[in-house]
């Protein structure tokens, strides 16, 4: 029998969490977005998260927002759309939505996404419709997408506890108890302590140290090997690649954290240099569907074959988005000695699970991870090896026995990861 809280017990426990939730709201606005005086703040969230959204809006105004726009969503309504509307409708973004997102980006808005999606919320819907909507949004809201990709707009993704997601993570608990437990986990891995700002400064210093170590070595390639699942993959790096992670910076000099939490340092590989096979270490949750036990084989930088125990159709639609969707745009390194991994939880949410495991991403690369990348056009970036795509899909590959070897341009081999953790830890 599932352990559950009464309504009264739930209210008491949520009341006890209220001070930390307000700190979390300020953390997302202040550190996550680096909000500046008079700036527009855009918050996207599910209607179920209304209580915490109010905390965020209050924090936004307290931090100096000129105005806060909230864009609401509801998974039940979204599912009904997919079930009742033909595919061609999802291939175009309504004109009002294009004007809204592009206009907000042009005004210099900061964008905050509060993610609490049900991992199974879109199970069984036509994945072609889901893929079409994602592609249309990323290509037709072009000013907005350019602002995010090229450092013109600060943005951040944070988590919110919702009933369906909480019960997926904690299936042995009742709805109230699961929501409280998930909030506790979210606050813990986000380092919402007595002084979250200081905790994040200390954490960011560690990420900076790892970035410096990798940038100083300037490897030509990374060789990934995991004997437990058969991963054996070599990823080539551009001579002008840069490792990034932790705090980012807009072109205007505003510091922000794109993800809270974040444990990764990452770079953009050469889109034409990936060879071998890589197996997943954790499930992938993509647009409300779960993919399990999957693998990709790469030849000359492109996925040449793939498979999955569950959700292969989801991968098929991802890879078919455009030419760049079958190539790598990111490789990220994360030690197994991090709060999310040590929690022992599978969050069924990429924001969290990608920060528990080394991961790769199919699709769009990062111009900030290529020297002078912000000064290049998308065509020039692609010619330089920085992948271009309407997709960016992270998938986790970090096993406890993962070894990663850095290979220099002279062919020297240097251990980077040994058994799932930094070689210098």
Protein backbone atom coordinates (compact mmCIF):
# COMPACT_ATOMS: atom_id res chain seq x y z
CA UNK A 1 0.00 0.00 0.00
CA UNK A 2 1.36 3.41 -0.95
CA UNK A 3 2.28 5.79 1.83
CA UNK A 4 0.19 8.95 1.56
CA UNK A 5 -0.39 12.24 3.35
CA UNK A 6 -3.74 13.66 4.29
CA UNK A 7 -4.65 17.05 2.81
CA UNK A 8 -3.83 18.66 6.14
CA UNK A 9 -0.44 16.92 6.39
CA UNK A 10 0.33 17.92 2.80
CA UNK A 11 -0.46 21.57 3.52
CA UNK A 12 1.76 21.49 6.62
CA UNK A 13 4.70 19.97 4.74
CA UNK A 14 4.37 22.37 1.82
CA UNK A 15 4.17 25.23 4.30
CA UNK A 16 7.43 24.04 5.84
CA UNK A 17 9.01 24.04 2.36
CA UNK A 18 7.73 27.52 1.50
CA UNK A 19 10.86 29.47 2.63
CA UNK A 20 13.12 27.22 0.53
CA UNK A 21 10.77 27.45 -2.44
CA UNK A 22 10.99 31.25 -2.31
CA UNK A 23 14.80 31.00 -2.18
CA UNK A 24 14.65 28.68 -5.18
CA UNK A 25 12.50 31.17 -7.08
CA UNK A 26 15.02 33.95 -6.40
CA UNK A 27 17.89 31.62 -7.37
CA UNK A 28 16.31 30.92 -10.75
CA UNK A 29 15.73 34.60 -11.45
CA UNK A 30 18.94 36.04 -9.99
CA UNK A 31 21.53 33.37 -10.82
CA UNK A 32 19.68 31.41 -13.48
CA UNK A 33 18.85 34.45 -15.61
CA UNK A 34 21.02 37.25 -14.23
CA UNK A 35 17.91 39.44 -14.53
CA UNK A 36 18.70 43.12 -15.04
CA UNK A 37 16.76 46.18 -13.94
CA UNK A 38 13.72 46.83 -16.12
CA UNK A 39 14.11 43.64 -18.16
CA UNK A 40 11.16 41.58 -19.42
CA UNK A 41 10.94 38.15 -17.77
CA UNK A 42 9.13 35.37 -19.62
CA UNK A 43 8.05 32.31 -17.61
CA UNK A 44 6.72 29.17 -19.31
CA UNK A 45 5.05 26.66 -17.00
CA UNK A 46 2.20 24.19 -16.60
CA UNK A 47 -0.99 25.38 -14.95
CA UNK A 48 -0.43 22.83 -12.18
CA UNK A 49 2.63 24.80 -11.08
CA UNK A 50 0.66 27.98 -10.44
CA UNK A 51 1.68 28.28 -6.77
CA UNK A 52 5.40 28.21 -7.53
CA UNK A 53 4.94 30.41 -10.61
CA UNK A 54 3.55 33.08 -8.29
CA UNK A 55 6.74 32.79 -6.22
CA UNK A 56 8.79 33.26 -9.40
CA UNK A 57 6.76 36.26 -10.54
CA UNK A 58 7.17 37.84 -7.10
CA UNK A 59 10.89 37.12 -7.22
CA UNK A 60 11.09 38.61 -10.70
CA UNK A 61 9.60 41.92 -9.62
CA UNK A 62 11.71 41.92 -6.44
CA UNK A 63 14.82 41.46 -8.62
CA UNK A 64 13.84 44.42 -10.81
CA UNK A 65 11.84 42.98 -13.70
CA UNK A 66 10.11 45.64 -15.77
CA UNK A 67 7.34 43.20 -16.61
CA UNK A 68 6.70 39.46 -16.24
CA UNK A 69 4.90 37.50 -18.95
CA UNK A 70 3.62 34.02 -18.03
CA UNK A 71 2.93 31.52 -20.82
CA UNK A 72 0.78 28.68 -19.52
CA UNK A 73 0.44 25.12 -20.79
CA UNK A 74 -1.51 22.00 -19.87
CA UNK A 75 -0.44 18.52 -20.92
CA UNK A 76 -4.00 17.20 -21.06
CA UNK A 77 -4.94 19.92 -23.55
CA UNK A 78 -1.74 19.37 -25.53
CA UNK A 79 -2.47 15.65 -25.75
CA UNK A 80 -5.97 16.34 -27.04
CA UNK A 81 -4.41 18.51 -29.75
CA UNK A 82 -2.17 15.68 -30.90
CA UNK A 83 -5.07 13.21 -30.85
CA UNK A 84 -7.53 15.38 -32.80
CA UNK A 85 -5.60 17.76 -35.09
CA UNK A 86 -3.99 16.66 -38.38
CA UNK A 87 -0.20 16.63 -38.74
CA UNK A 88 0.00 19.53 -41.18
CA UNK A 89 -1.33 21.89 -38.49
CA UNK A 90 1.80 21.23 -36.40
CA UNK A 91 4.09 22.05 -39.31
CA UNK A 92 3.43 25.76 -38.92
CA UNK A 93 3.46 28.00 -35.87
CA UNK A 94 0.44 30.31 -35.50
CA UNK A 95 1.33 33.84 -36.55
CA UNK A 96 0.47 35.25 -33.14
CA UNK A 97 2.88 32.83 -31.47
CA UNK A 98 5.70 33.73 -33.89
CA UNK A 99 5.14 37.43 -33.21
CA UNK A 100 4.97 36.83 -29.46
CA UNK A 101 8.22 34.86 -29.15
CA UNK A 102 10.23 36.82 -31.71
CA UNK A 103 8.97 40.10 -30.28
CA UNK A 104 9.91 39.19 -26.72
CA UNK A 105 13.36 38.09 -27.86
CA UNK A 106 13.88 41.32 -29.81
CA UNK A 107 13.02 43.28 -26.65
CA UNK A 108 15.86 41.50 -24.83
CA UNK A 109 13.66 39.32 -22.62
CA UNK A 110 15.06 36.61 -20.35
CA UNK A 111 13.34 33.24 -20.68
CA UNK A 112 12.65 30.81 -17.83
CA UNK A 113 11.19 27.35 -18.43
CA UNK A 114 9.74 25.50 -15.44
CA UNK A 115 9.76 21.83 -16.37
CA UNK A 116 7.43 19.41 -14.62
CA UNK A 117 6.25 17.32 -17.54
CA UNK A 118 4.74 13.89 -17.04
CA UNK A 119 7.38 11.49 -18.48
CA UNK A 120 4.54 9.40 -19.94
CA UNK A 121 2.29 12.32 -20.83
CA UNK A 122 2.56 11.88 -24.61
CA UNK A 123 2.97 8.10 -24.71
CA UNK A 124 1.08 6.67 -27.67
CA UNK A 125 0.61 9.94 -29.56
CA UNK A 126 1.83 10.26 -33.15
CA UNK A 127 5.53 11.12 -32.83
CA UNK A 128 5.52 12.66 -36.31
CA UNK A 129 3.24 15.38 -34.97
CA UNK A 130 5.47 15.97 -31.94
CA UNK A 131 8.56 16.21 -34.14
CA UNK A 132 6.81 18.55 -36.58
CA UNK A 133 5.83 20.94 -33.78
CA UNK A 134 9.37 21.02 -32.39
CA UNK A 135 10.89 21.67 -35.81
CA UNK A 136 8.39 24.38 -36.67
CA UNK A 137 8.95 26.21 -33.39
CA UNK A 138 12.72 26.18 -33.77
CA UNK A 139 12.73 27.28 -37.40
CA UNK A 140 9.78 29.68 -37.67
CA UNK A 141 10.37 31.50 -34.36
CA UNK A 142 13.76 32.33 -35.84
CA UNK A 143 14.58 35.51 -33.94
CA UNK A 144 13.82 33.81 -30.63
CA UNK A 145 15.86 30.73 -31.52
CA UNK A 146 18.79 32.84 -32.73
CA UNK A 147 18.71 34.86 -29.51
CA UNK A 148 19.01 31.72 -27.40
CA UNK A 149 21.66 30.03 -29.55
CA UNK A 150 23.86 33.07 -30.11
CA UNK A 151 23.93 34.57 -26.63
CA UNK A 152 21.58 37.48 -27.18
CA UNK A 153 19.00 36.37 -24.59
CA UNK A 154 19.61 34.82 -21.17
CA UNK A 155 17.64 31.67 -20.48
CA UNK A 156 17.28 29.03 -17.81
CA UNK A 157 15.47 25.72 -17.27
CA UNK A 158 14.47 24.68 -13.75
CA UNK A 159 12.25 21.94 -12.39
CA UNK A 160 8.92 22.04 -10.58
CA UNK A 161 7.29 19.14 -8.78
CA UNK A 162 4.04 17.98 -10.36
CA UNK A 163 1.83 15.06 -9.43
CA UNK A 164 2.34 12.80 -12.46
CA UNK A 165 6.10 13.37 -12.61
CA UNK A 166 6.46 12.87 -8.84
CA UNK A 167 4.61 9.56 -8.91
CA UNK A 168 6.80 8.36 -11.79
CA UNK A 169 9.91 9.04 -9.68
CA UNK A 170 8.37 7.76 -6.44
CA UNK A 171 5.86 5.05 -7.46
CA UNK A 172 5.56 3.69 -3.91
CA UNK A 173 4.21 6.96 -2.55
CA UNK A 174 0.77 8.48 -2.78
CA UNK A 175 0.28 11.68 -4.83
CA UNK A 176 0.73 14.17 -1.97
CA UNK A 177 3.73 12.38 -0.47
CA UNK A 178 5.39 12.02 -3.89
CA UNK A 179 5.01 15.73 -4.69
CA UNK A 180 6.66 16.67 -1.40
CA UNK A 181 9.45 14.14 -1.88
CA UNK A 182 10.18 15.39 -5.40
CA UNK A 183 10.28 19.00 -4.20
CA UNK A 184 12.80 17.95 -1.56
CA UNK A 185 14.94 16.31 -4.25
CA UNK A 186 14.69 19.31 -6.60
CA UNK A 187 15.73 21.74 -3.87
CA UNK A 188 18.56 19.49 -2.71
CA UNK A 189 20.23 19.00 -6.11
CA UNK A 190 19.72 22.70 -6.90
CA UNK A 191 21.80 23.52 -3.81
CA UNK A 192 19.01 25.53 -2.18
CA UNK A 193 20.76 25.91 1.15
CA UNK A 194 20.71 28.72 3.70
CA UNK A 195 22.78 30.70 1.17
CA UNK A 196 22.12 29.33 -2.34
CA UNK A 197 24.09 32.11 -4.03
CA UNK A 198 27.29 31.24 -2.17
CA UNK A 199 26.73 27.54 -2.81
CA UNK A 200 26.50 28.24 -6.53
CA UNK A 201 29.61 30.41 -6.53
CA UNK A 202 31.56 27.54 -4.95
CA UNK A 203 30.07 25.01 -7.37
CA UNK A 204 30.81 27.20 -10.37
CA UNK A 205 34.46 27.50 -9.29
CA UNK A 206 34.77 23.70 -9.50
CA UNK A 207 33.30 23.66 -13.00
CA UNK A 208 35.69 26.45 -14.02
CA UNK A 209 38.64 24.34 -12.82
CA UNK A 210 37.55 21.40 -14.99
CA UNK A 211 37.05 23.67 -18.00
CA UNK A 212 40.53 25.13 -17.61
CA UNK A 213 42.07 21.64 -17.42
CA UNK A 214 40.40 20.56 -20.66
CA UNK A 215 41.01 23.79 -22.54
CA UNK A 216 44.68 23.71 -21.56
CA UNK A 217 45.11 20.19 -22.95
CA UNK A 218 43.18 20.97 -26.17
CA UNK A 219 42.57 17.40 -27.27
CA UNK A 220 42.04 16.42 -30.89
CA UNK A 221 39.65 13.59 -29.99
CA UNK A 222 37.98 11.72 -27.13
CA UNK A 223 37.78 7.93 -26.97
CA UNK A 224 34.85 6.54 -24.92
CA UNK A 225 34.93 2.93 -23.71
CA UNK A 226 32.50 1.08 -21.44
CA UNK A 227 33.03 -2.67 -21.16
CA UNK A 228 29.74 -3.13 -19.30
CA UNK A 229 27.58 -2.16 -22.29
CA UNK A 230 29.90 -2.25 -25.30
CA UNK A 231 30.40 1.46 -25.91
CA UNK A 232 33.49 2.11 -28.04
CA UNK A 233 33.29 5.52 -29.69
CA UNK A 234 35.82 8.07 -30.92
CA UNK A 235 34.65 11.68 -31.23
CA UNK A 236 36.79 14.23 -33.05
CA UNK A 237 37.17 17.79 -31.79
CA UNK A 238 37.83 20.91 -33.84
CA UNK A 239 41.19 22.69 -33.45
CA UNK A 240 39.13 25.72 -32.34
CA UNK A 241 36.85 23.96 -29.86
CA UNK A 242 36.25 25.48 -26.41
CA UNK A 243 34.99 23.72 -23.27
CA UNK A 244 32.18 25.54 -21.50
CA UNK A 245 29.83 24.85 -18.58
CA UNK A 246 28.47 26.33 -15.38
CA UNK A 247 27.84 30.04 -15.77
CA UNK A 248 27.35 31.30 -19.33
CA UNK A 249 27.45 34.89 -20.55
CA UNK A 250 25.39 36.77 -23.09
CA UNK A 251 27.09 38.85 -25.73
CA UNK A 252 26.09 41.83 -23.61
CA UNK A 253 28.07 40.48 -20.64
CA UNK A 254 25.19 39.19 -18.48
CA UNK A 255 26.10 36.04 -16.53
CA UNK A 256 23.44 33.31 -16.34
CA UNK A 257 23.07 29.57 -15.71
CA UNK A 258 21.16 27.88 -18.57
CA UNK A 259 20.34 24.88 -16.36
CA UNK A 260 19.65 24.68 -12.64
CA UNK A 261 20.90 22.19 -11.65
CA UNK A 262 24.02 21.75 -13.77
CA UNK A 263 27.04 19.53 -13.22
CA UNK A 264 28.51 19.41 -16.73
CA UNK A 265 31.34 20.82 -18.74
CA UNK A 266 30.72 20.48 -22.46
CA UNK A 267 31.92 21.31 -25.92
CA UNK A 268 30.79 21.02 -29.52
CA UNK A 269 32.52 18.21 -31.43
CA UNK A 270 33.40 18.15 -35.12
CA UNK A 271 30.14 17.14 -36.81
CA UNK A 272 32.05 14.98 -39.32
CA UNK A 273 34.20 13.04 -36.86
CA UNK A 274 32.42 10.37 -34.81
CA UNK A 275 33.02 6.67 -35.37
CA UNK A 276 31.97 3.64 -33.36
CA UNK A 277 29.06 2.56 -31.20
CA UNK A 278 27.59 4.12 -28.06
CA UNK A 279 24.95 2.67 -25.73
CA UNK A 280 22.57 4.55 -23.45
CA UNK A 281 23.10 4.45 -19.70
CA UNK A 282 19.69 5.86 -18.73
CA UNK A 283 16.27 6.15 -20.40
CA UNK A 284 15.60 9.13 -22.65
CA UNK A 285 12.38 11.06 -22.04
CA UNK A 286 11.57 13.06 -25.16
CA UNK A 287 8.38 15.10 -25.56
CA UNK A 288 6.43 12.85 -23.21
CA UNK A 289 7.67 9.49 -24.50
CA UNK A 290 10.28 7.17 -22.95
CA UNK A 291 13.07 5.46 -24.92
CA UNK A 292 14.93 2.61 -23.19
CA UNK A 293 18.10 0.60 -23.80
CA UNK A 294 19.05 2.26 -27.06
CA UNK A 295 22.24 2.59 -29.08
CA UNK A 296 23.68 4.50 -32.02
CA UNK A 297 26.41 3.54 -34.47
CA UNK A 298 28.31 6.43 -36.04
CA UNK A 299 30.30 6.46 -39.26
CA UNK A 300 31.99 9.65 -40.46
CA UNK A 301 30.08 11.68 -37.89
CA UNK A 302 26.60 10.48 -38.88
CA UNK A 303 24.30 7.89 -37.29
CA UNK A 304 24.43 4.90 -39.61
CA UNK A 305 22.33 2.53 -37.49
CA UNK A 306 20.40 2.55 -34.23
CA UNK A 307 18.13 0.44 -32.08
CA UNK A 308 16.08 0.51 -28.87
CA UNK A 309 14.31 -1.96 -26.62
CA UNK A 310 11.47 0.56 -26.36
CA UNK A 311 10.72 3.79 -28.23
CA UNK A 312 12.66 3.23 -31.46
CA UNK A 313 9.99 5.24 -33.31
CA UNK A 314 10.84 8.26 -31.18
CA UNK A 315 14.49 8.00 -32.24
CA UNK A 316 13.45 7.55 -35.87
CA UNK A 317 11.52 10.84 -35.85
CA UNK A 318 14.33 12.68 -34.08
CA UNK A 319 16.90 11.52 -36.64
CA UNK A 320 14.61 12.40 -39.56
CA UNK A 321 14.10 16.01 -38.47
CA UNK A 322 16.83 17.33 -40.77
CA UNK A 323 20.33 16.44 -41.97
CA UNK A 324 21.98 17.66 -38.77
CA UNK A 325 19.72 15.68 -36.44
CA UNK A 326 21.74 12.52 -37.12
CA UNK A 327 25.03 14.18 -36.13
CA UNK A 328 26.45 15.24 -32.76
CA UNK A 329 26.23 18.80 -31.46
CA UNK A 330 27.49 18.26 -27.91
CA UNK A 331 29.64 16.05 -25.74
CA UNK A 332 29.35 16.69 -22.00
CA UNK A 333 31.42 15.31 -19.15
CA UNK A 334 29.96 14.75 -15.66
CA UNK A 335 31.50 12.81 -12.80
CA UNK A 336 29.49 10.13 -11.08
CA UNK A 337 30.39 11.96 -7.83
CA UNK A 338 27.63 14.55 -8.13
CA UNK A 339 24.49 15.19 -6.04
CA UNK A 340 22.07 13.89 -8.67
CA UNK A 341 23.96 10.65 -9.28
CA UNK A 342 24.56 10.16 -5.56
CA UNK A 343 20.84 10.65 -4.83
CA UNK A 344 20.24 7.30 -6.53
CA UNK A 345 17.12 8.70 -8.20
CA UNK A 346 16.11 8.25 -11.81
CA UNK A 347 14.24 11.48 -12.52
CA UNK A 348 12.86 10.54 -15.95
CA UNK A 349 13.66 14.12 -16.90
CA UNK A 350 16.60 15.12 -19.08
CA UNK A 351 17.36 18.30 -17.10
CA UNK A 352 18.19 16.12 -14.11
CA UNK A 353 19.29 12.81 -15.59
CA UNK A 354 21.75 14.44 -18.01
CA UNK A 355 23.46 15.96 -14.97
CA UNK A 356 23.89 12.53 -13.42
CA UNK A 357 25.76 11.11 -16.37
CA UNK A 358 28.17 11.93 -19.17
CA UNK A 359 26.03 12.59 -22.21
CA UNK A 360 26.02 13.39 -25.89
CA UNK A 361 23.48 15.34 -27.90
CA UNK A 362 22.18 14.86 -31.39
CA UNK A 363 21.53 18.05 -33.32
CA UNK A 364 22.41 21.68 -32.82
CA UNK A 365 25.94 22.58 -31.76
CA UNK A 366 26.98 25.59 -29.68
CA UNK A 367 28.63 28.57 -31.38
CA UNK A 368 30.09 29.65 -28.02
CA UNK A 369 32.06 26.39 -27.98
CA UNK A 370 33.91 27.33 -31.17
CA UNK A 371 36.46 30.12 -31.09
CA UNK A 372 34.88 33.15 -32.79
CA UNK A 373 31.64 31.23 -33.27
CA UNK A 374 29.35 34.15 -32.47
CA UNK A 375 30.82 36.02 -35.44
CA UNK A 376 29.97 33.26 -37.92
CA UNK A 377 26.73 32.61 -39.76
CA UNK A 378 25.00 29.23 -39.41
CA UNK A 379 26.36 28.24 -42.81
CA UNK A 380 29.89 29.22 -41.80
CA UNK A 381 29.56 27.35 -38.52
CA UNK A 382 28.45 24.20 -40.27
CA UNK A 383 31.37 24.48 -42.71
CA UNK A 384 33.66 24.76 -39.66
CA UNK A 385 32.25 21.56 -38.16
CA UNK A 386 29.68 23.03 -35.75
CA UNK A 387 26.46 21.10 -36.34
CA UNK A 388 23.25 22.87 -37.33
CA UNK A 389 19.80 21.41 -36.71
CA UNK A 390 16.31 22.19 -35.44
CA UNK A 391 16.90 19.47 -32.82
CA UNK A 392 19.08 19.24 -29.74
CA UNK A 393 18.44 15.96 -27.92
CA UNK A 394 20.66 14.95 -25.00
CA UNK A 395 21.09 11.27 -24.19
CA UNK A 396 22.98 9.78 -21.27
CA UNK A 397 25.96 7.43 -21.72
CA UNK A 398 27.83 7.67 -18.39
CA UNK A 399 28.25 4.24 -16.79
CA UNK A 400 30.19 3.51 -13.60
CA UNK A 401 32.96 1.91 -15.67
CA UNK A 402 33.15 4.57 -18.40
CA UNK A 403 36.71 5.44 -19.37
CA UNK A 404 37.43 8.48 -21.55
CA UNK A 405 40.84 9.05 -23.06
CA UNK A 406 41.90 12.37 -24.57
CA UNK A 407 43.98 12.06 -27.73
CA UNK A 408 46.25 14.96 -28.69
CA UNK A 409 47.02 16.07 -32.24
CA UNK A 410 50.36 14.24 -31.86
CA UNK A 411 48.61 11.01 -30.91
CA UNK A 412 49.42 11.15 -27.20
CA UNK A 413 46.78 9.58 -24.95
CA UNK A 414 45.79 11.18 -21.64
CA UNK A 415 43.21 9.73 -19.19
CA UNK A 416 40.27 12.13 -18.71
CA UNK A 417 37.75 9.81 -17.01
CA UNK A 418 38.56 6.61 -15.14
CA UNK A 419 35.63 4.43 -14.06
CA UNK A 420 33.09 7.20 -14.38
CA UNK A 421 34.92 10.06 -12.69
CA UNK A 422 37.52 12.69 -13.51
CA UNK A 423 41.01 11.25 -13.69
CA UNK A 424 42.22 14.12 -11.48
CA UNK A 425 39.54 13.76 -8.78
